[in-house]
């Protein structure tokens, strides 16, 4: 998607860099249009480096190219973040006295604005009236967050988290093909206690699961997330936090089987300690060697796939195969998992200490009973491909 990011002159303008990064890493083409005042807070060179496009500011430069019309037609989505009180007022009144204002006035693309200002300015009756007018005209106005403002002030008016802004903006234009669908995402990595201090774990960061949650929300789904040792919050998702595989299994059982899609990128421990120690183990008592007795954990996805098909045969279940091998061996392992666990789709990828885990991008193969598809890019790009594949 072609996204034009407008940046107006507030202290929060520096956060536009993170917004642009979120968009570009999700595979979108971005152009930045800062106002002259915005350049007091963030440099044009930074924006050009992040977008890989020239930054235009002056309405009266390159007049023969009619820049404001060219950019207005180019944009499929316009996101202004931060949006000052002055920008809101000028937009309501149709005032176009700079390049960004002209683009907004000339474009038919969806418009999303993320205001950021001091509490008193946000709560001023004039600003409140302008917000109502913009929303009445179909503009998505993202409410500012509560938190630390400039100086020592704290209150409503803070620019929301960049990832949340991007998620909200994209939801304005993404097809709602998952509307009225219920999605369960199980993300992160479980931990099995050795003693109250130590555990057996894995390298899963939960980033792919978070990308799946955000993609499903953007496409209109109702989302439940079971998060194993992942710090994440979204007001649009119902989140259950767990630590161990046993806790994860209990949480999934409590949620029931009323799901249209179940997607499980979580790295669930295959084994747990038979008898975790109730107090911290000491070298003085264990000696030079420590032997741990492990027993198998239940196969969560196999059990869930079997259970859900008994009540909802049309449900789709997606599993993941993270393996240290590649090529045909990876494909064979993934196809075996597809059949053995009763899945509709397997997402296979090669992993190592530096590959796959905790990265913002990845390369995977989507495998079902009839086809396979190579997908590479950000984890949001991969999330989109997964839902495209199971929603065909």
Protein backbone atom coordinates (compact mmCIF):
# COMPACT_ATOMS: atom_id res chain seq x y z
CA UNK A 1 0.00 0.00 0.00
CA UNK A 2 1.11 3.56 -0.69
CA UNK A 3 1.02 5.52 2.58
CA UNK A 4 1.69 9.24 2.87
CA UNK A 5 2.80 10.17 6.38
CA UNK A 6 2.17 13.79 7.27
CA UNK A 7 4.12 15.21 10.20
CA UNK A 8 3.18 18.45 11.91
CA UNK A 9 5.11 20.67 14.30
CA UNK A 10 4.88 19.09 17.73
CA UNK A 11 7.45 17.62 20.09
CA UNK A 12 6.16 14.14 19.26
CA UNK A 13 7.27 14.57 15.63
CA UNK A 14 10.33 12.44 16.37
CA UNK A 15 8.04 9.44 16.83
CA UNK A 16 7.14 9.67 13.13
CA UNK A 17 10.42 7.86 12.46
CA UNK A 18 9.15 4.78 14.31
CA UNK A 19 5.78 5.01 12.56
CA UNK A 20 7.50 5.06 9.17
CA UNK A 21 9.71 2.13 10.16
CA UNK A 22 6.65 0.10 11.21
CA UNK A 23 5.02 0.79 7.84
CA UNK A 24 8.04 0.05 5.68
CA UNK A 25 8.85 -3.16 7.54
CA UNK A 26 5.27 -4.27 6.93
CA UNK A 27 5.90 -3.93 3.20
CA UNK A 28 4.25 -0.57 2.53
CA UNK A 29 5.67 2.19 0.34
CA UNK A 30 5.92 5.41 2.32
CA UNK A 31 6.43 9.07 1.51
CA UNK A 32 6.83 11.63 4.27
CA UNK A 33 5.51 15.19 4.08
CA UNK A 34 6.57 17.22 7.12
CA UNK A 35 5.47 20.78 7.66
CA UNK A 36 8.14 23.44 8.03
CA UNK A 37 7.50 23.47 11.78
CA UNK A 38 7.87 19.68 11.93
CA UNK A 39 11.41 20.07 10.61
CA UNK A 40 12.23 21.92 13.83
CA UNK A 41 11.83 18.54 15.59
CA UNK A 42 12.90 15.93 13.01
CA UNK A 43 15.29 16.25 10.07
CA UNK A 44 14.42 15.72 6.42
CA UNK A 45 17.52 13.54 5.99
CA UNK A 46 16.22 11.05 8.58
CA UNK A 47 12.85 10.87 6.85
CA UNK A 48 14.45 10.32 3.44
CA UNK A 49 16.65 7.55 4.83
CA UNK A 50 13.66 5.81 6.40
CA UNK A 51 11.28 6.14 3.43
CA UNK A 52 13.87 5.83 0.65
CA UNK A 53 12.01 8.70 -1.01
CA UNK A 54 12.68 12.41 -1.34
CA UNK A 55 11.02 14.63 1.23
CA UNK A 56 9.03 17.59 -0.08
CA UNK A 57 8.04 20.47 2.18
CA UNK A 58 7.61 23.64 0.17
CA UNK A 59 4.39 24.10 -1.81
CA UNK A 60 6.19 26.45 -4.18
CA UNK A 61 9.15 24.26 -5.12
CA UNK A 62 9.02 22.35 -8.40
CA UNK A 63 5.74 24.07 -9.20
CA UNK A 64 5.74 22.71 -12.75
CA UNK A 65 5.35 19.17 -11.33
CA UNK A 66 2.19 20.14 -9.41
CA UNK A 67 3.57 18.23 -6.44
CA UNK A 68 0.49 18.45 -4.21
CA UNK A 69 -1.73 16.85 -6.86
CA UNK A 70 0.84 14.20 -7.71
CA UNK A 71 1.16 13.17 -4.05
CA UNK A 72 -2.60 13.42 -3.47
CA UNK A 73 -3.23 10.96 -6.31
CA UNK A 74 -0.32 8.71 -5.29
CA UNK A 75 -1.53 8.15 -1.72
CA UNK A 76 -3.82 5.23 -0.92
CA UNK A 77 -3.81 6.26 2.74
CA UNK A 78 -2.86 9.50 4.46
CA UNK A 79 -1.70 9.29 8.08
CA UNK A 80 -0.89 12.50 9.95
CA UNK A 81 1.04 11.82 13.14
CA UNK A 82 1.46 13.83 15.19
CA UNK A 83 -1.41 16.14 14.31
CA UNK A 84 -1.37 19.47 16.12
CA UNK A 85 -4.45 21.39 17.24
CA UNK A 86 -3.66 23.91 14.50
CA UNK A 87 -3.65 21.18 11.84
CA UNK A 88 -7.03 19.88 13.04
CA UNK A 89 -8.51 23.38 12.89
CA UNK A 90 -7.12 24.12 9.42
CA UNK A 91 -8.32 20.80 8.07
CA UNK A 92 -11.85 21.36 9.37
CA UNK A 93 -11.91 24.80 7.77
CA UNK A 94 -10.41 23.60 4.49
CA UNK A 95 -7.40 25.88 4.85
CA UNK A 96 -4.57 24.73 2.57
CA UNK A 97 -1.63 27.06 3.23
CA UNK A 98 1.19 24.51 2.99
CA UNK A 99 2.03 21.36 1.00
CA UNK A 100 0.49 18.94 3.51
CA UNK A 101 -2.75 20.93 3.73
CA UNK A 102 -3.06 21.02 -0.05
CA UNK A 103 -2.47 17.27 -0.33
CA UNK A 104 -5.13 16.52 2.30
CA UNK A 105 -7.61 18.80 0.56
CA UNK A 106 -6.90 17.36 -2.89
CA UNK A 107 -6.81 13.67 -1.99
CA UNK A 108 -9.68 11.19 -1.94
CA UNK A 109 -7.62 8.68 0.08
CA UNK A 110 -8.77 7.72 3.59
CA UNK A 111 -7.43 10.15 6.19
CA UNK A 112 -6.21 9.13 9.65
CA UNK A 113 -4.95 11.66 12.19
CA UNK A 114 -3.24 11.05 15.51
CA UNK A 115 -3.43 14.23 17.60
CA UNK A 116 -0.78 15.05 20.19
CA UNK A 117 -0.84 18.16 22.37
CA UNK A 118 -1.11 19.34 25.96
CA UNK A 119 -4.21 18.27 27.87
CA UNK A 120 -5.67 21.77 28.00
CA UNK A 121 -5.38 22.13 24.22
CA UNK A 122 -6.95 18.72 23.59
CA UNK A 123 -9.85 19.43 25.95
CA UNK A 124 -10.47 22.94 24.62
CA UNK A 125 -14.03 23.16 23.24
CA UNK A 126 -12.70 24.32 19.86
CA UNK A 127 -10.48 21.22 19.51
CA UNK A 128 -13.27 18.92 20.69
CA UNK A 129 -15.64 20.43 18.12
CA UNK A 130 -13.06 20.00 15.37
CA UNK A 131 -12.58 16.34 16.29
CA UNK A 132 -16.34 15.74 16.13
CA UNK A 133 -16.50 17.42 12.71
CA UNK A 134 -13.61 15.38 11.34
CA UNK A 135 -15.17 12.14 12.54
CA UNK A 136 -18.50 13.13 11.03
CA UNK A 137 -16.68 13.51 7.71
CA UNK A 138 -15.25 10.01 7.92
CA UNK A 139 -11.79 10.86 9.23
CA UNK A 140 -10.35 8.37 11.71
CA UNK A 141 -9.16 10.39 14.70
CA UNK A 142 -7.05 8.26 17.04
CA UNK A 143 -7.55 9.40 20.61
CA UNK A 144 -4.34 10.55 22.29
CA UNK A 145 -2.91 8.48 25.11
CA UNK A 146 -2.49 9.42 28.76
CA UNK A 147 1.05 9.90 30.01
CA UNK A 148 4.02 12.19 30.39
CA UNK A 149 3.83 15.33 28.25
CA UNK A 150 6.37 18.09 27.64
CA UNK A 151 8.00 19.32 30.83
CA UNK A 152 6.57 17.95 34.06
CA UNK A 153 2.96 17.69 32.84
CA UNK A 154 1.11 14.38 32.78
CA UNK A 155 -2.32 13.79 31.29
CA UNK A 156 -4.24 13.04 28.10
CA UNK A 157 -2.58 14.33 24.95
CA UNK A 158 0.41 12.03 24.49
CA UNK A 159 0.93 10.48 21.05
CA UNK A 160 -0.07 6.79 21.25
CA UNK A 161 2.42 4.00 20.68
CA UNK A 162 3.61 4.05 17.03
CA UNK A 163 2.68 0.38 16.50
CA UNK A 164 -0.85 1.08 17.70
CA UNK A 165 -1.12 4.10 15.38
CA UNK A 166 -0.02 2.01 12.40
CA UNK A 167 -2.41 -0.80 13.32
CA UNK A 168 -5.32 1.63 13.67
CA UNK A 169 -4.47 3.44 10.43
CA UNK A 170 -4.21 0.27 8.37
CA UNK A 171 -7.51 -0.97 9.78
CA UNK A 172 -9.10 2.00 8.02
CA UNK A 173 -8.27 0.56 4.61
CA UNK A 174 -7.70 -3.19 5.06
CA UNK A 175 -10.52 -5.35 3.71
CA UNK A 176 -12.65 -6.64 6.59
CA UNK A 177 -12.67 -10.19 5.27
CA UNK A 178 -12.45 -11.61 8.81
CA UNK A 179 -15.43 -9.65 10.12
CA UNK A 180 -17.56 -11.77 12.48
CA UNK A 181 -14.79 -14.37 12.59
CA UNK A 182 -13.31 -15.54 15.89
CA UNK A 183 -9.54 -16.07 15.99
CA UNK A 184 -7.38 -17.69 18.65
CA UNK A 185 -3.65 -16.92 18.52
CA UNK A 186 -1.24 -18.73 20.83
CA UNK A 187 2.11 -16.93 20.93
CA UNK A 188 5.43 -16.80 22.71
CA UNK A 189 7.37 -19.56 24.39
CA UNK A 190 6.50 -21.60 27.46
CA UNK A 191 8.85 -22.00 30.40
CA UNK A 192 9.14 -25.09 32.59
CA UNK A 193 10.40 -24.60 36.14
CA UNK A 194 13.54 -26.26 37.41
CA UNK A 195 13.22 -24.48 40.74
CA UNK A 196 11.66 -21.14 41.81
CA UNK A 197 14.52 -19.28 40.07
CA UNK A 198 15.46 -21.28 36.98
CA UNK A 199 13.52 -22.67 34.06
CA UNK A 200 13.87 -24.52 30.76
CA UNK A 201 12.78 -22.26 27.92
CA UNK A 202 13.31 -21.38 24.28
CA UNK A 203 14.20 -18.43 22.07
CA UNK A 204 10.71 -17.52 20.86
CA UNK A 205 10.02 -13.77 21.16
CA UNK A 206 6.32 -13.86 20.28
CA UNK A 207 6.78 -11.29 17.48
CA UNK A 208 5.10 -13.46 14.85
CA UNK A 209 2.15 -14.03 17.16
CA UNK A 210 1.76 -10.32 17.79
CA UNK A 211 1.85 -9.67 14.04
CA UNK A 212 -0.90 -12.27 13.59
CA UNK A 213 -3.03 -10.62 16.28
CA UNK A 214 -2.66 -7.19 14.68
CA UNK A 215 -3.40 -8.51 11.18
CA UNK A 216 -6.53 -10.32 12.38
CA UNK A 217 -7.77 -7.23 14.22
CA UNK A 218 -7.15 -5.05 11.17
CA UNK A 219 -9.23 -7.44 9.08
CA UNK A 220 -12.15 -7.25 11.48
CA UNK A 221 -11.77 -10.42 13.54
CA UNK A 222 -12.54 -10.91 17.21
CA UNK A 223 -9.22 -12.04 18.66
CA UNK A 224 -8.24 -14.00 21.74
CA UNK A 225 -4.52 -14.18 22.49
CA UNK A 226 -2.92 -16.70 24.81
CA UNK A 227 0.49 -15.15 25.45
CA UNK A 228 3.26 -17.32 26.88
CA UNK A 229 5.80 -14.96 28.43
CA UNK A 230 5.07 -12.16 25.95
CA UNK A 231 4.54 -8.59 27.11
CA UNK A 232 1.85 -7.20 24.81
CA UNK A 233 -1.30 -5.14 25.11
CA UNK A 234 -4.03 -4.32 22.63
CA UNK A 235 -7.43 -2.88 23.58
CA UNK A 236 -8.98 -4.83 20.69
CA UNK A 237 -7.78 -8.26 21.83
CA UNK A 238 -8.67 -10.37 24.86
CA UNK A 239 -5.35 -11.51 26.32
CA UNK A 240 -4.60 -14.39 28.68
CA UNK A 241 -1.05 -14.52 30.02
CA UNK A 242 0.54 -17.87 30.88
CA UNK A 243 3.99 -19.18 31.78
CA UNK A 244 4.07 -22.98 31.56
CA UNK A 245 2.64 -25.47 29.10
CA UNK A 246 0.22 -26.68 31.76
CA UNK A 247 -1.07 -23.13 32.28
CA UNK A 248 -1.36 -22.68 28.51
CA UNK A 249 -3.39 -25.86 28.20
CA UNK A 250 -5.74 -24.78 31.00
CA UNK A 251 -6.19 -21.35 29.39
CA UNK A 252 -7.04 -22.85 25.99
CA UNK A 253 -9.51 -25.28 27.55
CA UNK A 254 -11.21 -22.40 29.36
CA UNK A 255 -11.67 -20.49 26.08
CA UNK A 256 -13.63 -23.36 24.53
CA UNK A 257 -13.93 -24.30 20.87
CA UNK A 258 -15.94 -21.46 19.34
CA UNK A 259 -13.18 -20.35 16.98
CA UNK A 260 -13.11 -20.08 13.21
CA UNK A 261 -9.32 -19.92 13.07
CA UNK A 262 -6.65 -21.16 15.46
CA UNK A 263 -3.09 -20.07 14.75
CA UNK A 264 -0.30 -21.33 17.01
CA UNK A 265 3.16 -19.86 16.41
CA UNK A 266 3.97 -20.48 20.08
CA UNK A 267 7.06 -22.52 20.92
CA UNK A 268 5.50 -24.95 23.37
CA UNK A 269 7.91 -27.01 25.46
CA UNK A 270 8.00 -30.68 24.51
CA UNK A 271 9.19 -31.67 27.99
CA UNK A 272 8.88 -30.51 31.59
CA UNK A 273 10.53 -31.52 34.84
CA UNK A 274 8.87 -34.44 36.51
CA UNK A 275 9.47 -32.94 39.96
CA UNK A 276 10.56 -29.27 40.00
CA UNK A 277 12.51 -28.37 43.10
CA UNK A 278 10.55 -26.35 45.65
CA UNK A 279 13.60 -24.31 46.69
CA UNK A 280 16.59 -22.93 44.83
CA UNK A 281 19.12 -25.58 43.93
CA UNK A 282 22.59 -24.96 45.33
CA UNK A 283 25.90 -26.09 43.86
CA UNK A 284 26.93 -27.03 47.35
CA UNK A 285 24.23 -29.72 47.46
CA UNK A 286 24.02 -30.79 43.79
CA UNK A 287 27.71 -31.44 43.30
CA UNK A 288 29.55 -31.13 39.98
CA UNK A 289 26.69 -32.59 37.93
CA UNK A 290 22.99 -31.85 37.86
CA UNK A 291 20.71 -34.40 36.26
CA UNK A 292 17.13 -33.43 35.45
CA UNK A 293 14.35 -35.96 34.95
CA UNK A 294 12.05 -34.77 32.14
CA UNK A 295 8.66 -36.06 31.03
CA UNK A 296 6.71 -35.24 27.87
CA UNK A 297 4.19 -32.44 27.79
CA UNK A 298 0.85 -33.05 26.05
CA UNK A 299 0.69 -32.32 22.30
CA UNK A 300 -1.41 -29.18 22.67
CA UNK A 301 -2.12 -28.45 19.01
CA UNK A 302 -2.99 -32.07 18.15
CA UNK A 303 -5.41 -32.30 21.05
CA UNK A 304 -6.98 -28.96 20.22
CA UNK A 305 -7.31 -29.75 16.52
CA UNK A 306 -9.12 -33.01 17.32
CA UNK A 307 -11.38 -31.36 19.90
CA UNK A 308 -12.41 -28.38 17.80
CA UNK A 309 -13.25 -30.47 14.73
CA UNK A 310 -15.73 -32.47 16.76
CA UNK A 311 -17.86 -29.34 17.26
CA UNK A 312 -16.75 -27.12 14.37
CA UNK A 313 -15.54 -29.14 11.35
CA UNK A 314 -15.07 -26.00 9.25
CA UNK A 315 -12.54 -24.44 11.66
CA UNK A 316 -9.02 -23.92 10.32
CA UNK A 317 -5.98 -24.83 12.45
CA UNK A 318 -2.52 -23.51 11.63
CA UNK A 319 0.65 -24.95 13.13
CA UNK A 320 4.30 -23.96 12.86
CA UNK A 321 7.38 -26.05 12.15
CA UNK A 322 10.56 -24.32 13.28
CA UNK A 323 13.41 -26.66 12.37
CA UNK A 324 17.20 -26.45 12.26
CA UNK A 325 17.25 -28.12 8.82
CA UNK A 326 16.29 -26.65 5.46
CA UNK A 327 15.46 -27.72 1.91
CA UNK A 328 13.63 -30.97 1.27
CA UNK A 329 14.20 -32.16 4.83
CA UNK A 330 12.32 -29.14 6.18
CA UNK A 331 9.48 -29.74 3.73
CA UNK A 332 9.23 -33.40 4.69
CA UNK A 333 9.09 -32.58 8.41
CA UNK A 334 6.42 -29.93 7.86
CA UNK A 335 4.27 -32.19 5.67
CA UNK A 336 4.51 -34.92 8.29
CA UNK A 337 3.33 -32.50 10.98
CA UNK A 338 0.45 -31.37 8.75
CA UNK A 339 -0.89 -34.92 8.49
CA UNK A 340 0.06 -36.21 11.92
CA UNK A 341 -1.47 -33.34 13.85
CA UNK A 342 -4.55 -32.85 11.67
CA UNK A 343 -3.73 -29.32 10.55
CA UNK A 344 -4.96 -27.22 7.65
CA UNK A 345 -1.73 -25.28 7.19
CA UNK A 346 1.83 -25.52 8.44
CA UNK A 347 4.20 -22.54 8.46
CA UNK A 348 7.71 -23.96 8.12
CA UNK A 349 10.98 -22.14 8.58
CA UNK A 350 14.61 -22.85 9.37
CA UNK A 351 15.84 -21.50 12.70
CA UNK A 352 19.12 -21.10 14.55
CA UNK A 353 20.56 -18.77 17.15
CA UNK A 354 20.60 -15.96 14.57
CA UNK A 355 17.86 -17.04 12.16
CA UNK A 356 14.12 -16.75 12.69
CA UNK A 357 13.93 -16.12 16.42
CA UNK A 358 13.57 -12.55 17.69
CA UNK A 359 13.98 -11.05 14.20
CA UNK A 360 11.60 -8.53 12.68
CA UNK A 361 11.57 -10.38 9.35
CA UNK A 362 11.68 -14.00 8.28
CA UNK A 363 11.33 -16.42 5.39
CA UNK A 364 8.77 -19.20 5.65
CA UNK A 365 7.03 -21.80 3.53
CA UNK A 366 3.23 -22.11 3.81
CA UNK A 367 2.27 -25.75 3.28
CA UNK A 368 -1.19 -27.26 2.96
CA UNK A 369 -2.41 -30.54 1.49
CA UNK A 370 -2.32 -29.20 -2.06
CA UNK A 371 0.35 -26.53 -2.35
CA UNK A 372 3.29 -24.70 -0.88
CA UNK A 373 4.15 -21.00 -0.98
CA UNK A 374 7.41 -19.24 -0.14
CA UNK A 375 6.88 -15.96 1.75
CA UNK A 376 9.59 -13.58 2.93
CA UNK A 377 9.44 -10.16 4.54
CA UNK A 378 8.37 -8.64 7.82
CA UNK A 379 6.41 -10.75 10.25
CA UNK A 380 3.34 -8.63 9.46
CA UNK A 381 3.77 -9.55 5.77
CA UNK A 382 3.95 -13.21 6.78
CA UNK A 383 0.86 -12.81 9.00
CA UNK A 384 -1.06 -11.38 6.04
CA UNK A 385 -0.01 -14.30 3.84
CA UNK A 386 -1.11 -16.82 6.48
CA UNK A 387 -4.61 -15.37 6.78
CA UNK A 388 -4.85 -15.00 3.01
CA UNK A 389 -4.00 -18.70 2.66
CA UNK A 390 -6.54 -19.99 5.20
CA UNK A 391 -9.28 -17.56 4.19
CA UNK A 392 -9.31 -18.49 0.50
